[in-house]
Amino acid sequence: MSSPARSSSFRFSCLWVLPFLASTVSSSIDTFVFGGCSTLKYSPGSPYQEVLNSLLTSLVNSAEFSTYSNFTAPGPGSGFGSGSSPQNSPLYGLFQCRGDLNVDDCSRCVNQAVSRLGTLCVGSCGGLLQLDGCLVKYDNATFLGVQDKTVVLKKCAPISGYQFNSDEAAKRDSVLGYVETSDGTYKPYRTGWSGGARAVAQCVQDLSSGECQDCLTEAIGQLKSNCGGARWGDMFLGKCYVRYFEGGIRSHAGDGPSSDDNVEKTLAILIGLIAAVALIMVFLSFLGKSYERSKGGGK
């Protein structure tokens, strides 16, 4: 049975709505991967919003000195919109940067993520954004230290017209086996090379060493199962991810534009067109008012 040419899917728990899209930016660490917002809303100007703003500020400030941190803020006790019961649960948040980033790049990535979440998840009690270089998440439901092997995103290179030979398969299995192998020490970020093939894996650091290993084993198994002979593949679970590519080809590059990339480009074009039309309307309105004033002054 042949595998699909390309697979891309998102799945969140009932808390999360469909993932939003964002236009691409120049830096790879700022590239959008996936994200979502909770369906539960808070009231504008409420105590919950004050606590959330404080939490996000703490994440941004902490990213200036470290590449991972988590915070728990006391519950606000009120401020939820109509249709939901007032709650007094704490607010949880974390950020984590890719393991090869320095603190400066990490700080820039977290700033970008928090800024986008502030626009994309307005009024939502929870939000999550995964960029290529960092993850930021906050919610009023506890998730810190909780294992989550739910498949959030799977993405595979097109395999139509491409034959994945035995040598390439051996290289893939070798690098994936390397990042999966544990020497007993806690290594949340792992990389492996074999010839032109490379794999990158990372766990969210609120997991224990055993939970991290368990999550990565599941992610690698899912990647092999879903992406078959694809030249690159991404597998993001709730608390870890594995990315594989060979020959310098990586997801979101090489192999032509993906359907998600096309959607992002279309979205950027539409936003540009809307902005242009708005400017034209403002300009025409200005000309009309100027004409009326000049006409009135001539009487």
Foldseek 3Di string as FASTA:
>chain_A
DDAAQKDKDFDDPLQWDAWDAAAADDDQQQGFDTKTFGPWFFAPPAQLVVQVVVLLVVQLVVLLPDQKDKDKAWFSQAGTDPPDDGDGFIKIKMKHFAPVDDSVVSSVNSVSVSVVCCVPHPRTQWMWTHGNTMIIIMHSDDDQQPQWLAWGIKIFHGCVPHDQDPVNVVQQCVFLVVQLDDPPDQDQWDKGGDAQKIKIKGFRPSYDSVSSSVSSVSQSVCNCVNHPRTQWMWTDTPTMIMIMHGPPDGPCDDNDHDPSNVVSVVVVVVVVVVVVVVVVVVVVVVVVVVVVVVVVVVD
